[in-house]
Each structure stands twice: as structure tokens, then as C-alpha cells.
Amino acid sequence: MALDPDAARVLEMVRLSGRPPYETLTAPEARALFVAAREVLAPDPAPVAEVRELSALGPGGEVIPMRLYRGTTTASGGMPPALVFFHGGRWVIGDLDTHDSLCRHLANAALSVVISVDYRLAPEHKFPAAVEDSFAATSWVAEQAAALGIDRERLAVGGDSAGGNLAAVVSLLARDRRAPPLRYQVLLYPAVDCGMTHASHQRFAEGYLLTRPTIQWFYDQYLRGPGDIDDWRASPLRAPDLSGVPPALVLTAGNDVLCDEGEAYARRLQQHGVPVRHQQFPNQIHGFLTMGKIVQAAHPALDEVAAVLRAAWDTP
């Protein structure tokens, strides 16, 4: 695929920086490197009407930190819809701060509240800890909707990369447990199959930030062992039945090791009767939505995501 000039600039910046591959680092070192990269690539945070720190109890009694963003257009009152957002970082890196600008953008553009979830990270907390925290946080948001000033009947989940994986899994769990009520799911270049068997893992194995060795390292940190690969809570593409989940937006980047599995997930959702909008950005790389300081296409792309959410929330 052709490469957006801004995305090519990011790749060249990484090459010239001499940044060590994630797989050569410890998890704390990888987290620090990711934070440093966000400072270079992420746009300045947009003002919103409200930012509030929240917390919920996880299934084991642990505290799950969260951050609420109320978009500027919701300040006049009412009960706006809400997006529960799970950050990317392959379940090992990333936090509330690394995705702060993205969440602010969506809160303003989607005329909504965004609640970002700081789920437990691996390898300190192996699979399925992130899944358990994400579902617990989403359930808590639904239960506390009135106190949070949001519309419980217009609740969506979403995330990028590993966060897209968690949003897909939470949607399946909510279907099976018949709660919480979800209106929509937003899957941004999601990781949906831990087996790494799709052809794009070979096409983009090197040179595109998220390399094959790097992905393997992240999976080694996250999963308890090879047996977890077939667990649909780790690989939702392998779930036997995808019917009955909320309608979905599946966004993929054309120059991304994960693009083929994201497209495959969109097709399987459609095959199981789920309304799906598949939006591909053929000239982009993995993670481009959080690179708005350099990749100018990130801003209109996030506006498109927000427009899809607004339409979903306005549909009875």
C-alpha cells in the first residue's frame, strides 16, 4: 500500500532516533519509551467541559482507575451518551495519559462523555486480568450512569489495538451476561487473533513500528501460555458465535500487521448478522490516530469515528 507522507515521516523519525525495539526491554522500560513517544507524536490536549478522576472495584477487589471527559458541547446539561474507552498498548504499555488527547477529541466531536479505563497491565497481571477489569469498569459505568450524568441507554465501548480487542470481548461478555446494555462498539485497528496467522503479519513483519518480533514479545507478556491463543477472550475472532453483539465500526490501517485480522473480524460480524461499518485508511500505519501532532490525517479520521458514534446514539 502507498504510505501517507506524514506516516512515512513518523517511521523515519523512529529509525533516526535509534529507539530500541520493545522486545529488548523490560516492561517498565517499554512503558517509559511509549510515554516518551506519545509526547512527541500526540497533539496538544483540547479543552473539554470536565475532566474527573474515577475508580471502580475490580472482580478481585482491586481498584480500577478511570478518567471521565465531558465534551464541551455537553456542558449545558442533559444526559449525554458515553463511550467507555480502553487504551491500546498491547496489554503491556499505555495508560490514561497516553490516550488523553484522543479521548478529549472524541468527547468533543461525538458530543458525549468518554470514560477511559486504566485496566491492569501484563506481565504483572496476565490474561484475563485486563478483560476482567474492562468488563467490571463498563458494568460500573452503566450502574452509576445517573450519578455520572450520562444516558445509560446510550452506552458504547471502544478502544484502539489491544483496547479494540477488549472492546470486542466486553461486547461478547455483555451479550452473554445480558448486561450492561451496549448500543455500539468502536474497534480501532483491533488485535483480534493472538495466533498471528494472517498474511498481513508477513507483509508488514518489519519496518512498520509494530513488527512481528515485537508483537510476539507482547503476547508472551500477556498470555499465560499457548493455550490462551484459542480462548475467545484473548482472540475474539475465534469465538464460535458473534451474533447478538452491538453494531460495530471496525477501522483498519492499510500498512499494519493487524489489518487482515481486523478485516476478517468485520466480515465475521457481518456473517453473523451484526451491522458493521468497515473503514479502512489504506495509506496509514498502526497507531496513527494517536499521532496527530505529525499525522494530520488523524484529526479527520477521529471526526469520522465521532460522526459514526453520533449516528449510532441517535438511532432508536
C-alpha atoms as a PDB file:
ATOM      1  CA  MET A   1       0.000   0.000   0.000  1.00  0.00           C
ATOM      2  CA  ALA A   2       1.111   3.589  -0.586  1.00  0.00           C
ATOM      3  CA  LEU A   3       2.199   5.357   2.571  1.00  0.00           C
ATOM      4  CA  ASP A   4       0.907   8.707   3.781  1.00  0.00           C
ATOM      5  CA  PRO A   5       3.853  11.184   3.820  1.00  0.00           C
ATOM      6  CA  ASP A   6       3.200  12.024   7.467  1.00  0.00           C
ATOM      7  CA  ALA A   7       3.187   8.339   8.393  1.00  0.00           C
ATOM      8  CA  ALA A   8       6.427   7.880   6.460  1.00  0.00           C
ATOM      9  CA  ARG A   9       7.884  10.778   8.441  1.00  0.00           C
ATOM     10  CA  VAL A  10       6.972   9.019  11.697  1.00  0.00           C
ATOM     11  CA  LEU A  11       8.711   5.849  10.552  1.00  0.00           C
ATOM     12  CA  GLU A  12      11.793   7.833   9.591  1.00  0.00           C
ATOM     13  CA  MET A  13      11.788   9.650  12.940  1.00  0.00           C
ATOM     14  CA  VAL A  14      11.725   6.299  14.721  1.00  0.00           C
ATOM     15  CA  ARG A  15      14.551   4.965  12.557  1.00  0.00           C
ATOM     16  CA  LEU A  16      16.751   8.018  13.127  1.00  0.00           C
ATOM     17  CA  SER A  17      16.072   8.057  16.868  1.00  0.00           C
ATOM     18  CA  GLY A  18      17.782   4.712  17.356  1.00  0.00           C
ATOM     19  CA  ARG A  19      14.935   3.678  19.624  1.00  0.00           C
ATOM     20  CA  PRO A  20      15.493   0.130  20.924  1.00  0.00           C
ATOM     21  CA  PRO A  21      12.873  -2.452  19.959  1.00  0.00           C
ATOM     22  CA  TYR A  22      10.321  -3.111  22.669  1.00  0.00           C
ATOM     23  CA  GLU A  23      11.262  -6.783  22.754  1.00  0.00           C
ATOM     24  CA  THR A  24      14.744  -5.862  24.019  1.00  0.00           C
ATOM     25  CA  LEU A  25      13.346  -4.017  27.045  1.00  0.00           C
ATOM     26  CA  THR A  26      11.699  -4.806  30.340  1.00  0.00           C
ATOM     27  CA  ALA A  27       8.010  -3.957  30.662  1.00  0.00           C
ATOM     28  CA  PRO A  28       8.704  -0.812  32.794  1.00  0.00           C
ATOM     29  CA  GLU A  29      11.286   0.341  30.243  1.00  0.00           C
ATOM     30  CA  ALA A  30       8.829  -0.263  27.394  1.00  0.00           C
ATOM     31  CA  ARG A  31       6.190   1.797  29.201  1.00  0.00           C
ATOM     32  CA  ALA A  32       8.568   4.711  29.668  1.00  0.00           C
ATOM     33  CA  LEU A  33       9.538   4.568  25.983  1.00  0.00           C
ATOM     34  CA  PHE A  34       5.877   4.582  24.936  1.00  0.00           C
ATOM     35  CA  VAL A  35       5.142   7.618  27.132  1.00  0.00           C
ATOM     36  CA  ALA A  36       8.104   9.457  25.622  1.00  0.00           C
ATOM     37  CA  ALA A  37       6.852   8.674  22.120  1.00  0.00           C
ATOM     38  CA  ARG A  38       3.383   9.999  22.930  1.00  0.00           C
ATOM     39  CA  GLU A  39       4.922  13.314  23.990  1.00  0.00           C
ATOM     40  CA  VAL A  40       6.463  13.640  20.528  1.00  0.00           C
ATOM     41  CA  LEU A  41       3.519  12.380  18.473  1.00  0.00           C
ATOM     42  CA  ALA A  42       0.319  13.241  20.338  1.00  0.00           C
ATOM     43  CA  PRO A  43      -1.340  16.619  19.679  1.00  0.00           C
ATOM     44  CA  ASP A  44      -1.856  19.134  22.435  1.00  0.00           C
ATOM     45  CA  PRO A  45      -4.891  18.224  24.570  1.00  0.00           C
ATOM     46  CA  ALA A  46      -8.068  20.040  23.598  1.00  0.00           C
ATOM     47  CA  PRO A  47     -10.104  21.750  26.330  1.00  0.00           C
ATOM     48  CA  VAL A  48     -13.223  19.893  27.453  1.00  0.00           C
ATOM     49  CA  ALA A  49     -16.043  20.848  29.786  1.00  0.00           C
ATOM     50  CA  GLU A  50     -14.948  18.497  32.571  1.00  0.00           C
ATOM     51  CA  VAL A  51     -12.192  16.058  33.466  1.00  0.00           C
ATOM     52  CA  ARG A  52     -12.780  13.892  36.524  1.00  0.00           C
ATOM     53  CA  GLU A  53     -10.831  11.003  38.031  1.00  0.00           C
ATOM     54  CA  LEU A  54     -12.975   7.968  38.893  1.00  0.00           C
ATOM     55  CA  SER A  55     -12.414   4.495  40.234  1.00  0.00           C
ATOM     56  CA  ALA A  56     -14.302   1.223  40.442  1.00  0.00           C
ATOM     57  CA  LEU A  57     -13.656  -2.038  42.228  1.00  0.00           C
ATOM     58  CA  GLY A  58     -12.492  -4.914  40.092  1.00  0.00           C
ATOM     59  CA  PRO A  59     -13.606  -8.524  40.468  1.00  0.00           C
ATOM     60  CA  GLY A  60     -10.818  -9.239  42.951  1.00  0.00           C
ATOM     61  CA  GLY A  61     -11.342  -6.075  44.974  1.00  0.00           C
ATOM     62  CA  GLU A  62      -8.604  -4.154  43.175  1.00  0.00           C
ATOM     63  CA  VAL A  63      -9.158  -0.513  42.247  1.00  0.00           C
ATOM     64  CA  ILE A  64      -9.615   0.269  38.554  1.00  0.00           C
ATOM     65  CA  PRO A  65      -8.702   3.918  37.849  1.00  0.00           C
ATOM     66  CA  MET A  66     -10.727   5.733  35.201  1.00  0.00           C
ATOM     67  CA  ARG A  67     -10.929   9.236  33.803  1.00  0.00           C
ATOM     68  CA  LEU A  68     -14.114  10.954  32.653  1.00  0.00           C
ATOM     69  CA  TYR A  69     -14.096  13.556  29.872  1.00  0.00           C
ATOM     70  CA  ARG A  70     -17.243  15.595  29.273  1.00  0.00           C
ATOM     71  CA  GLY A  71     -17.247  17.221  25.848  1.00  0.00           C
ATOM     72  CA  THR A  72     -17.628  20.974  25.618  1.00  0.00           C
ATOM     73  CA  THR A  73     -20.979  20.689  23.850  1.00  0.00           C
ATOM     74  CA  THR A  74     -22.500  18.740  26.758  1.00  0.00           C
ATOM     75  CA  ALA A  75     -21.832  21.410  29.390  1.00  0.00           C
ATOM     76  CA  SER A  76     -25.315  22.960  29.181  1.00  0.00           C
ATOM     77  CA  GLY A  77     -26.974  19.962  30.841  1.00  0.00           C
ATOM     78  CA  GLY A  78     -28.901  16.893  29.815  1.00  0.00           C
ATOM     79  CA  MET A  79     -27.799  13.279  29.853  1.00  0.00           C
ATOM     80  CA  PRO A  80     -25.316  12.747  27.037  1.00  0.00           C
ATOM     81  CA  PRO A  81     -24.276   9.350  25.686  1.00  0.00           C
ATOM     82  CA  ALA A  82     -20.994   7.823  26.811  1.00  0.00           C
ATOM     83  CA  LEU A  83     -18.129   5.860  25.321  1.00  0.00           C
ATOM     84  CA  VAL A  84     -16.162   3.565  27.635  1.00  0.00           C
ATOM     85  CA  PHE A  85     -12.673   3.564  26.120  1.00  0.00           C
ATOM     86  CA  PHE A  86      -9.844   1.036  26.524  1.00  0.00           C
ATOM     87  CA  HIS A  87      -6.401   2.310  25.566  1.00  0.00           C
ATOM     88  CA  GLY A  88      -4.002   0.483  23.291  1.00  0.00           C
ATOM     89  CA  GLY A  89      -0.527  -0.747  24.146  1.00  0.00           C
ATOM     90  CA  ARG A  90      -0.752  -4.486  23.621  1.00  0.00           C
ATOM     91  CA  TRP A  91      -1.953  -5.029  27.229  1.00  0.00           C
ATOM     92  CA  VAL A  92       1.575  -4.169  28.470  1.00  0.00           C
ATOM     93  CA  ILE A  93       2.090  -0.425  27.916  1.00  0.00           C
ATOM     94  CA  GLY A  94      -0.131   2.650  27.737  1.00  0.00           C
ATOM     95  CA  ASP A  95      -2.253   4.401  30.349  1.00  0.00           C
ATOM     96  CA  LEU A  96      -4.796   7.168  30.818  1.00  0.00           C
ATOM     97  CA  ASP A  97      -2.263   9.840  29.876  1.00  0.00           C
ATOM     98  CA  THR A  98      -1.017   8.258  26.639  1.00  0.00           C
ATOM     99  CA  HIS A  99      -4.550   8.426  25.200  1.00  0.00           C
ATOM    100  CA  ASP A 100      -5.642  11.675  26.823  1.00  0.00           C
ATOM    101  CA  SER A 101      -5.681  13.725  23.592  1.00  0.00           C
ATOM    102  CA  LEU A 102      -7.640  11.056  21.703  1.00  0.00           C
ATOM    103  CA  CYS A 103     -10.284  10.823  24.420  1.00  0.00           C
ATOM    104  CA  ARG A 104     -10.658  14.602  24.553  1.00  0.00           C
ATOM    105  CA  HIS A 105     -11.067  14.759  20.786  1.00  0.00           C
ATOM    106  CA  LEU A 106     -13.780  12.092  20.772  1.00  0.00           C
ATOM    107  CA  ALA A 107     -15.640  13.627  23.727  1.00  0.00           C
ATOM    108  CA  ASN A 108     -15.891  16.957  21.918  1.00  0.00           C
ATOM    109  CA  ALA A 109     -16.533  15.647  18.409  1.00  0.00           C
ATOM    110  CA  ALA A 110     -19.048  12.973  19.463  1.00  0.00           C
ATOM    111  CA  LEU A 111     -20.963  15.402  21.722  1.00  0.00           C
ATOM    112  CA  SER A 112     -20.545  12.919  24.524  1.00  0.00           C
ATOM    113  CA  VAL A 113     -18.775  11.724  27.624  1.00  0.00           C
ATOM    114  CA  VAL A 114     -15.747   9.473  27.258  1.00  0.00           C
ATOM    115  CA  ILE A 115     -14.628   7.350  30.206  1.00  0.00           C
ATOM    116  CA  SER A 116     -11.119   5.950  29.799  1.00  0.00           C
ATOM    117  CA  VAL A 117     -10.234   2.781  31.721  1.00  0.00           C
ATOM    118  CA  ASP A 118      -6.797   2.078  33.232  1.00  0.00           C
ATOM    119  CA  TYR A 119      -7.011  -1.720  33.301  1.00  0.00           C
ATOM    120  CA  ARG A 120      -4.263  -3.873  34.831  1.00  0.00           C
ATOM    121  CA  LEU A 121      -1.248  -4.500  32.621  1.00  0.00           C
ATOM    122  CA  ALA A 122       0.861  -7.555  31.888  1.00  0.00           C
ATOM    123  CA  PRO A 123       3.206  -9.191  32.683  1.00  0.00           C
ATOM    124  CA  GLU A 124       2.425  -8.287  36.289  1.00  0.00           C
ATOM    125  CA  HIS A 125      -1.213  -9.173  35.595  1.00  0.00           C
ATOM    126  CA  LYS A 126      -1.593 -11.846  32.925  1.00  0.00           C
ATOM    127  CA  PHE A 127      -4.658 -12.595  30.812  1.00  0.00           C
ATOM    128  CA  PRO A 128      -7.545 -12.427  31.627  1.00  0.00           C
ATOM    129  CA  ALA A 129      -6.935  -9.594  34.138  1.00  0.00           C
ATOM    130  CA  ALA A 130      -7.368  -6.845  31.508  1.00  0.00           C
ATOM    131  CA  VAL A 131     -10.607  -8.454  30.315  1.00  0.00           C
ATOM    132  CA  GLU A 132     -11.974  -8.720  33.838  1.00  0.00           C
ATOM    133  CA  ASP A 133     -11.142  -5.089  34.622  1.00  0.00           C
ATOM    134  CA  SER A 134     -12.618  -3.827  31.360  1.00  0.00           C
ATOM    135  CA  PHE A 135     -15.903  -5.639  31.851  1.00  0.00           C
ATOM    136  CA  ALA A 136     -16.100  -4.612  35.525  1.00  0.00           C
ATOM    137  CA  ALA A 137     -15.457  -0.960  34.628  1.00  0.00           C
ATOM    138  CA  THR A 138     -18.098  -0.991  31.891  1.00  0.00           C
ATOM    139  CA  SER A 139     -20.634  -2.571  34.238  1.00  0.00           C
ATOM    140  CA  TRP A 140     -19.836   0.038  36.905  1.00  0.00           C
ATOM    141  CA  VAL A 141     -20.327   2.890  34.444  1.00  0.00           C
ATOM    142  CA  ALA A 142     -23.742   1.507  33.486  1.00  0.00           C
ATOM    143  CA  GLU A 143     -24.748   1.095  37.126  1.00  0.00           C
ATOM    144  CA  GLN A 144     -23.575   4.600  38.030  1.00  0.00           C
ATOM    145  CA  ALA A 145     -24.931   6.286  34.908  1.00  0.00           C
ATOM    146  CA  ALA A 146     -27.323   8.611  36.725  1.00  0.00           C
ATOM    147  CA  ALA A 147     -24.666   9.739  39.207  1.00  0.00           C
ATOM    148  CA  LEU A 148     -22.207  10.265  36.349  1.00  0.00           C
ATOM    149  CA  GLY A 149     -24.733  12.316  34.405  1.00  0.00           C
ATOM    150  CA  ILE A 150     -24.875  10.051  31.340  1.00  0.00           C
ATOM    151  CA  ASP A 151     -27.605   8.222  29.466  1.00  0.00           C
ATOM    152  CA  ARG A 152     -27.421   4.534  30.420  1.00  0.00           C
ATOM    153  CA  GLU A 153     -29.342   3.561  27.288  1.00  0.00           C
ATOM    154  CA  ARG A 154     -26.733   5.153  25.014  1.00  0.00           C
ATOM    155  CA  LEU A 155     -23.559   3.442  26.122  1.00  0.00           C
ATOM    156  CA  ALA A 156     -20.801   2.326  23.748  1.00  0.00           C
ATOM    157  CA  VAL A 157     -17.434   0.644  24.181  1.00  0.00           C
ATOM    158  CA  GLY A 158     -14.330   1.232  22.125  1.00  0.00           C
ATOM    159  CA  GLY A 159     -10.579   1.110  22.004  1.00  0.00           C
ATOM    160  CA  ASP A 160      -7.512   1.039  19.803  1.00  0.00           C
ATOM    161  CA  SER A 161      -5.304  -2.010  19.146  1.00  0.00           C
ATOM    162  CA  ALA A 162      -5.341  -4.031  22.390  1.00  0.00           C
ATOM    163  CA  GLY A 163      -8.136  -1.733  23.516  1.00  0.00           C
ATOM    164  CA  GLY A 164     -10.102  -2.710  20.417  1.00  0.00           C
ATOM    165  CA  ASN A 165      -9.626  -6.324  21.453  1.00  0.00           C
ATOM    166  CA  LEU A 166     -11.009  -5.539  24.895  1.00  0.00           C
ATOM    167  CA  ALA A 167     -13.988  -3.650  23.461  1.00  0.00           C
ATOM    168  CA  ALA A 168     -14.849  -6.625  21.242  1.00  0.00           C
ATOM    169  CA  VAL A 169     -14.544  -9.042  24.168  1.00  0.00           C
ATOM    170  CA  VAL A 170     -16.602  -6.826  26.503  1.00  0.00           C
ATOM    171  CA  SER A 171     -19.316  -6.714  23.822  1.00  0.00           C
ATOM    172  CA  LEU A 172     -19.401 -10.520  23.726  1.00  0.00           C
ATOM    173  CA  LEU A 173     -19.457 -10.788  27.518  1.00  0.00           C
ATOM    174  CA  ALA A 174     -22.262  -8.220  27.770  1.00  0.00           C
ATOM    175  CA  ARG A 175     -24.275 -10.266  25.264  1.00  0.00           C
ATOM    176  CA  ASP A 176     -23.735 -13.492  27.188  1.00  0.00           C
ATOM    177  CA  ARG A 177     -24.470 -11.948  30.599  1.00  0.00           C
ATOM    178  CA  ARG A 178     -27.293  -9.755  29.253  1.00  0.00           C
ATOM    179  CA  ALA A 179     -25.747  -6.669  30.839  1.00  0.00           C
ATOM    180  CA  PRO A 180     -24.596  -3.958  30.656  1.00  0.00           C
ATOM    181  CA  PRO A 181     -26.683  -2.589  27.777  1.00  0.00           C
ATOM    182  CA  LEU A 182     -24.432  -1.533  24.898  1.00  0.00           C
ATOM    183  CA  ARG A 183     -25.504   0.478  21.880  1.00  0.00           C
ATOM    184  CA  TYR A 184     -22.299   0.286  19.815  1.00  0.00           C
ATOM    185  CA  GLN A 185     -18.685  -0.895  19.660  1.00  0.00           C
ATOM    186  CA  VAL A 186     -15.773   1.004  18.131  1.00  0.00           C
ATOM    187  CA  LEU A 187     -12.822  -1.205  17.183  1.00  0.00           C
ATOM    188  CA  LEU A 188      -9.825   0.842  16.039  1.00  0.00           C
ATOM    189  CA  TYR A 189      -7.200  -1.311  14.267  1.00  0.00           C
ATOM    190  CA  PRO A 190      -8.061  -4.066  16.752  1.00  0.00           C
ATOM    191  CA  ALA A 191      -5.965  -7.082  17.700  1.00  0.00           C
ATOM    192  CA  VAL A 192      -8.475  -9.916  17.472  1.00  0.00           C
ATOM    193  CA  ASP A 193      -6.417 -13.075  16.916  1.00  0.00           C
ATOM    194  CA  CYS A 194      -3.369 -13.912  19.031  1.00  0.00           C
ATOM    195  CA  GLY A 195      -2.322 -16.629  16.590  1.00  0.00           C
ATOM    196  CA  MET A 196      -0.594 -14.148  14.240  1.00  0.00           C
ATOM    197  CA  THR A 197      -1.581 -16.291  11.250  1.00  0.00           C
ATOM    198  CA  HIS A 198      -2.989 -13.662   8.884  1.00  0.00           C
ATOM    199  CA  ALA A 199      -0.995 -12.640   5.825  1.00  0.00           C
ATOM    200  CA  SER A 200      -0.501  -9.041   6.952  1.00  0.00           C
ATOM    201  CA  HIS A 201       1.720 -10.347   9.754  1.00  0.00           C
ATOM    202  CA  GLN A 202       4.132 -11.356   6.998  1.00  0.00           C
ATOM    203  CA  ARG A 203       3.633  -8.342   4.702  1.00  0.00           C
ATOM    204  CA  PHE A 204       4.446  -5.868   7.464  1.00  0.00           C
ATOM    205  CA  ALA A 205       6.682  -8.023   9.633  1.00  0.00           C
ATOM    206  CA  GLU A 206       9.420  -5.360   9.708  1.00  0.00           C
ATOM    207  CA  GLY A 207       9.689  -1.604   9.358  1.00  0.00           C
ATOM    208  CA  TYR A 208       6.188  -0.513  10.383  1.00  0.00           C
ATOM    209  CA  LEU A 209       6.535   0.160  14.135  1.00  0.00           C
ATOM    210  CA  LEU A 210       4.562  -2.892  15.212  1.00  0.00           C
ATOM    211  CA  THR A 211       6.876  -5.625  13.928  1.00  0.00           C
ATOM    212  CA  ARG A 212       6.325  -9.364  14.142  1.00  0.00           C
ATOM    213  CA  PRO A 213       9.023  -9.871  16.840  1.00  0.00           C
ATOM    214  CA  THR A 214       7.548  -7.000  18.846  1.00  0.00           C
ATOM    215  CA  ILE A 215       4.042  -8.453  18.681  1.00  0.00           C
ATOM    216  CA  GLN A 216       5.330 -11.850  19.743  1.00  0.00           C
ATOM    217  CA  TRP A 217       7.024 -10.248  22.754  1.00  0.00           C
ATOM    218  CA  PHE A 218       3.791  -8.519  23.766  1.00  0.00           C
ATOM    219  CA  TYR A 219       1.832 -11.762  23.505  1.00  0.00           C
ATOM    220  CA  ASP A 220       4.476 -13.508  25.586  1.00  0.00           C
ATOM    221  CA  GLN A 221       3.955 -10.871  28.288  1.00  0.00           C
ATOM    222  CA  TYR A 222       0.160 -11.004  28.137  1.00  0.00           C
ATOM    223  CA  LEU A 223      -0.788 -14.639  27.718  1.00  0.00           C
ATOM    224  CA  ARG A 224      -0.273 -17.331  30.355  1.00  0.00           C
ATOM    225  CA  GLY A 225       0.757 -19.819  27.673  1.00  0.00           C
ATOM    226  CA  PRO A 226      -0.008 -21.043  24.130  1.00  0.00           C
ATOM    227  CA  GLY A 227      -3.316 -22.472  25.298  1.00  0.00           C
ATOM    228  CA  ASP A 228      -4.716 -18.975  25.733  1.00  0.00           C
ATOM    229  CA  ILE A 229      -4.480 -18.259  21.995  1.00  0.00           C
ATOM    230  CA  ASP A 230      -7.699 -20.188  21.295  1.00  0.00           C
ATOM    231  CA  ASP A 231      -9.595 -18.597  24.198  1.00  0.00           C
ATOM    232  CA  TRP A 232     -12.030 -16.171  22.559  1.00  0.00           C
ATOM    233  CA  ARG A 233     -11.497 -13.724  25.402  1.00  0.00           C
ATOM    234  CA  ALA A 234      -7.961 -13.328  24.029  1.00  0.00           C
ATOM    235  CA  SER A 235      -8.797 -13.956  20.362  1.00  0.00           C
ATOM    236  CA  PRO A 236     -12.400 -12.817  19.770  1.00  0.00           C
ATOM    237  CA  LEU A 237     -12.075 -13.700  16.082  1.00  0.00           C
ATOM    238  CA  ARG A 238     -12.092 -17.325  17.255  1.00  0.00           C
ATOM    239  CA  ALA A 239     -15.382 -17.007  19.145  1.00  0.00           C
ATOM    240  CA  PRO A 240     -17.812 -19.610  17.750  1.00  0.00           C
ATOM    241  CA  ASP A 241     -20.738 -17.162  17.606  1.00  0.00           C
ATOM    242  CA  LEU A 242     -20.555 -13.388  17.116  1.00  0.00           C
ATOM    243  CA  SER A 243     -24.299 -12.838  16.726  1.00  0.00           C
ATOM    244  CA  GLY A 244     -26.208 -10.606  19.093  1.00  0.00           C
ATOM    245  CA  VAL A 245     -23.412  -8.138  19.825  1.00  0.00           C
ATOM    246  CA  PRO A 246     -23.848  -4.394  19.257  1.00  0.00           C
ATOM    247  CA  PRO A 247     -23.335  -2.895  15.793  1.00  0.00           C
ATOM    248  CA  ALA A 248     -19.688  -2.091  15.138  1.00  0.00           C
ATOM    249  CA  LEU A 249     -17.279   0.267  13.490  1.00  0.00           C
ATOM    250  CA  VAL A 250     -14.098  -1.594  12.538  1.00  0.00           C
ATOM    251  CA  LEU A 251     -11.303   0.758  11.489  1.00  0.00           C
ATOM    252  CA  THR A 252      -8.160  -0.643   9.890  1.00  0.00           C
ATOM    253  CA  ALA A 253      -4.900   0.824   8.583  1.00  0.00           C
ATOM    254  CA  GLY A 254      -3.562  -0.474   5.286  1.00  0.00           C
ATOM    255  CA  ASN A 255       0.091  -0.663   6.379  1.00  0.00           C
ATOM    256  CA  ASP A 256      -0.449  -2.563   9.607  1.00  0.00           C
ATOM    257  CA  VAL A 257       0.284  -6.129  10.682  1.00  0.00           C
ATOM    258  CA  LEU A 258      -3.215  -6.236  12.183  1.00  0.00           C
ATOM    259  CA  CYS A 259      -5.164  -5.082   9.124  1.00  0.00           C
ATOM    260  CA  ASP A 260      -6.092  -8.539   7.816  1.00  0.00           C
ATOM    261  CA  GLU A 261      -7.422  -9.827  11.120  1.00  0.00           C
ATOM    262  CA  GLY A 262      -9.410  -6.612  11.623  1.00  0.00           C
ATOM    263  CA  GLU A 263     -10.986  -7.047   8.201  1.00  0.00           C
ATOM    264  CA  ALA A 264     -11.681 -10.708   8.961  1.00  0.00           C
ATOM    265  CA  TYR A 265     -13.469  -9.702  12.172  1.00  0.00           C
ATOM    266  CA  ALA A 266     -15.636  -7.219  10.284  1.00  0.00           C
ATOM    267  CA  ARG A 267     -16.582  -9.952   7.788  1.00  0.00           C
ATOM    268  CA  ARG A 268     -17.426 -12.458  10.520  1.00  0.00           C
ATOM    269  CA  LEU A 269     -19.594  -9.920  12.325  1.00  0.00           C
ATOM    270  CA  GLN A 270     -21.500  -9.350   9.085  1.00  0.00           C
ATOM    271  CA  GLN A 271     -21.825 -13.094   8.512  1.00  0.00           C
ATOM    272  CA  HIS A 272     -23.397 -13.395  11.965  1.00  0.00           C
ATOM    273  CA  GLY A 273     -25.942 -10.683  11.253  1.00  0.00           C
ATOM    274  CA  VAL A 274     -24.263  -7.779  13.052  1.00  0.00           C
ATOM    275  CA  PRO A 275     -24.456  -4.381  11.296  1.00  0.00           C
ATOM    276  CA  VAL A 276     -20.861  -3.344  10.567  1.00  0.00           C
ATOM    277  CA  ARG A 277     -19.159  -0.310   9.108  1.00  0.00           C
ATOM    278  CA  HIS A 278     -15.631  -1.144   7.972  1.00  0.00           C
ATOM    279  CA  GLN A 279     -13.497   1.947   7.466  1.00  0.00           C
ATOM    280  CA  GLN A 280     -10.029   1.367   6.042  1.00  0.00           C
ATOM    281  CA  PHE A 281      -7.328   4.021   5.848  1.00  0.00           C
ATOM    282  CA  PRO A 282      -5.141   2.401   3.192  1.00  0.00           C
ATOM    283  CA  ASN A 283      -2.183   4.786   3.489  1.00  0.00           C
ATOM    284  CA  GLN A 284      -1.850   4.660   7.267  1.00  0.00           C
ATOM    285  CA  ILE A 285       0.162   2.761   9.864  1.00  0.00           C
ATOM    286  CA  HIS A 286      -0.781   1.174  13.158  1.00  0.00           C
ATOM    287  CA  GLY A 287      -1.425   3.732  15.887  1.00  0.00           C
ATOM    288  CA  PHE A 288      -1.861   6.732  13.601  1.00  0.00           C
ATOM    289  CA  LEU A 289      -4.919   8.033  15.472  1.00  0.00           C
ATOM    290  CA  THR A 290      -2.734   8.988  18.455  1.00  0.00           C
ATOM    291  CA  MET A 291      -0.082  10.659  16.270  1.00  0.00           C
ATOM    292  CA  GLY A 292      -1.979  13.836  15.424  1.00  0.00           C
ATOM    293  CA  LYS A 293       0.958  16.154  16.048  1.00  0.00           C
ATOM    294  CA  ILE A 294       2.683  14.632  12.997  1.00  0.00           C
ATOM    295  CA  VAL A 295      -0.003  12.650  11.124  1.00  0.00           C
ATOM    296  CA  GLN A 296      -2.571  15.234  10.114  1.00  0.00           C
ATOM    297  CA  ALA A 297      -4.969  12.578   8.823  1.00  0.00           C
ATOM    298  CA  ALA A 298      -5.582  11.526  12.425  1.00  0.00           C
ATOM    299  CA  HIS A 299      -7.837  14.517  13.077  1.00  0.00           C
ATOM    300  CA  PRO A 300     -10.430  13.962  10.313  1.00  0.00           C
ATOM    301  CA  ALA A 301     -10.272  10.225  10.987  1.00  0.00           C
ATOM    302  CA  LEU A 302     -11.271  10.790  14.613  1.00  0.00           C
ATOM    303  CA  ASP A 303     -14.010  13.136  13.425  1.00  0.00           C
ATOM    304  CA  GLU A 304     -15.327  10.278  11.256  1.00  0.00           C
ATOM    305  CA  VAL A 305     -15.321   7.942  14.262  1.00  0.00           C
ATOM    306  CA  ALA A 306     -17.212  10.546  16.257  1.00  0.00           C
ATOM    307  CA  ALA A 307     -19.768  11.023  13.468  1.00  0.00           C
ATOM    308  CA  VAL A 308     -20.436   7.269  13.386  1.00  0.00           C
ATOM    309  CA  LEU A 309     -20.961   7.295  17.147  1.00  0.00           C
ATOM    310  CA  ARG A 310     -23.348  10.239  16.991  1.00  0.00           C
ATOM    311  CA  ALA A 311     -25.408   8.470  14.344  1.00  0.00           C
ATOM    312  CA  ALA A 312     -25.474   5.251  16.399  1.00  0.00           C
ATOM    313  CA  TRP A 313     -26.602   7.082  19.516  1.00  0.00           C
ATOM    314  CA  ASP A 314     -29.333   8.904  17.591  1.00  0.00           C
ATOM    315  CA  THR A 315     -30.709   5.633  16.162  1.00  0.00           C
ATOM    316  CA  PRO A 316     -33.567   4.269  18.334  1.00  0.00           C
END
